[in-house]
Protein backbone atom coordinates (compact mmCIF):
# COMPACT_ATOMS: atom_id res chain seq x y z
CA MET A 1 -36.14 -38.39 -28.36
CA LYS A 2 -39.42 -36.76 -28.58
CA GLY A 3 -41.83 -38.16 -25.71
CA TRP A 4 -38.81 -40.15 -24.44
CA LYS A 5 -38.88 -40.32 -20.59
CA LYS A 6 -35.23 -40.29 -18.83
CA LEU A 7 -35.17 -42.99 -16.21
CA TYR A 8 -31.58 -42.57 -15.08
CA GLU A 9 -29.14 -39.83 -15.65
CA GLY A 10 -25.32 -40.58 -15.16
CA ASP A 11 -22.22 -38.94 -15.63
CA ARG A 12 -21.58 -41.47 -18.61
CA ILE A 13 -24.74 -43.16 -19.29
CA ASP A 14 -28.09 -42.60 -19.51
CA PHE A 15 -31.37 -44.62 -19.64
CA TRP A 16 -34.33 -43.76 -21.51
CA GLU A 17 -38.02 -45.26 -22.40
CA THR A 18 -39.33 -44.73 -25.58
CA PRO A 19 -43.20 -44.22 -25.97
CA LYS A 20 -45.49 -47.04 -26.39
CA GLY A 21 -45.76 -48.27 -30.11
CA GLU A 22 -48.92 -49.83 -31.63
CA ASP A 23 -48.11 -53.13 -29.78
CA GLY A 24 -48.54 -51.23 -26.37
CA LYS A 25 -44.66 -52.01 -25.70
CA SER A 26 -41.79 -49.47 -24.93
CA GLU A 27 -38.26 -49.77 -25.32
CA ILE A 28 -35.32 -49.11 -22.97
CA VAL A 29 -32.41 -46.93 -24.40
CA LEU A 30 -28.92 -47.09 -23.14
CA ALA A 31 -27.34 -43.93 -24.12
CA ILE A 32 -23.42 -43.58 -24.00
CA GLY A 33 -22.27 -40.62 -25.74
CA GLY A 34 -23.66 -40.49 -29.13
CA THR A 35 -24.58 -43.98 -29.16
CA HIS A 36 -28.03 -45.49 -28.52
CA GLN A 37 -28.67 -49.18 -27.82
CA TYR A 38 -32.48 -50.16 -27.82
CA PHE A 39 -33.63 -53.04 -25.82
CA SER A 40 -37.03 -55.03 -25.30
CA ALA A 41 -37.99 -55.36 -21.81
CA GLU A 42 -37.14 -58.99 -21.88
CA VAL A 43 -33.67 -58.29 -23.21
CA PHE A 44 -33.20 -55.40 -20.77
CA SER A 45 -34.07 -57.88 -17.85
CA GLU A 46 -31.56 -60.52 -19.18
CA LEU A 47 -28.95 -57.55 -19.46
CA ILE A 48 -29.46 -56.57 -15.87
CA HIS A 49 -29.36 -60.20 -14.58
CA GLY A 50 -26.18 -60.74 -16.62
CA THR A 51 -24.46 -57.41 -15.50
CA GLY A 52 -25.15 -58.48 -11.78
CA VAL A 53 -23.37 -62.14 -12.65
CA VAL A 54 -20.24 -60.42 -14.21
CA SER A 55 -19.83 -57.58 -11.36
CA HIS A 56 -20.16 -60.41 -8.80
CA GLN A 57 -17.31 -62.37 -10.80
CA LEU A 58 -15.19 -59.21 -11.21
CA PHE A 59 -15.56 -57.59 -7.93
CA ARG A 60 -16.09 -60.35 -5.27
CA PRO A 61 -13.84 -60.35 -2.38
CA LYS A 62 -10.59 -62.35 -3.15
CA ASP A 63 -10.78 -63.72 0.49
CA GLY A 64 -13.63 -64.25 2.89
CA CYS A 65 -15.64 -61.52 3.86
CA TYR A 66 -15.66 -62.43 7.30
CA GLN A 67 -12.58 -63.58 9.14
């Protein structure tokens, strides 16, 4: 993980950014335990959007917010 920039450190997960490659692009790395998943900026953006959609579906209030 030489040259990686830590973006987020949680209790169970971390996010890192790799150094830029010859193409000038870096990758976002999700580290969970000893597992690392690499994402391009485009795929990471879709992951964040999809996570928001799923979170909204799973955790939305069952009744109206205002009554």
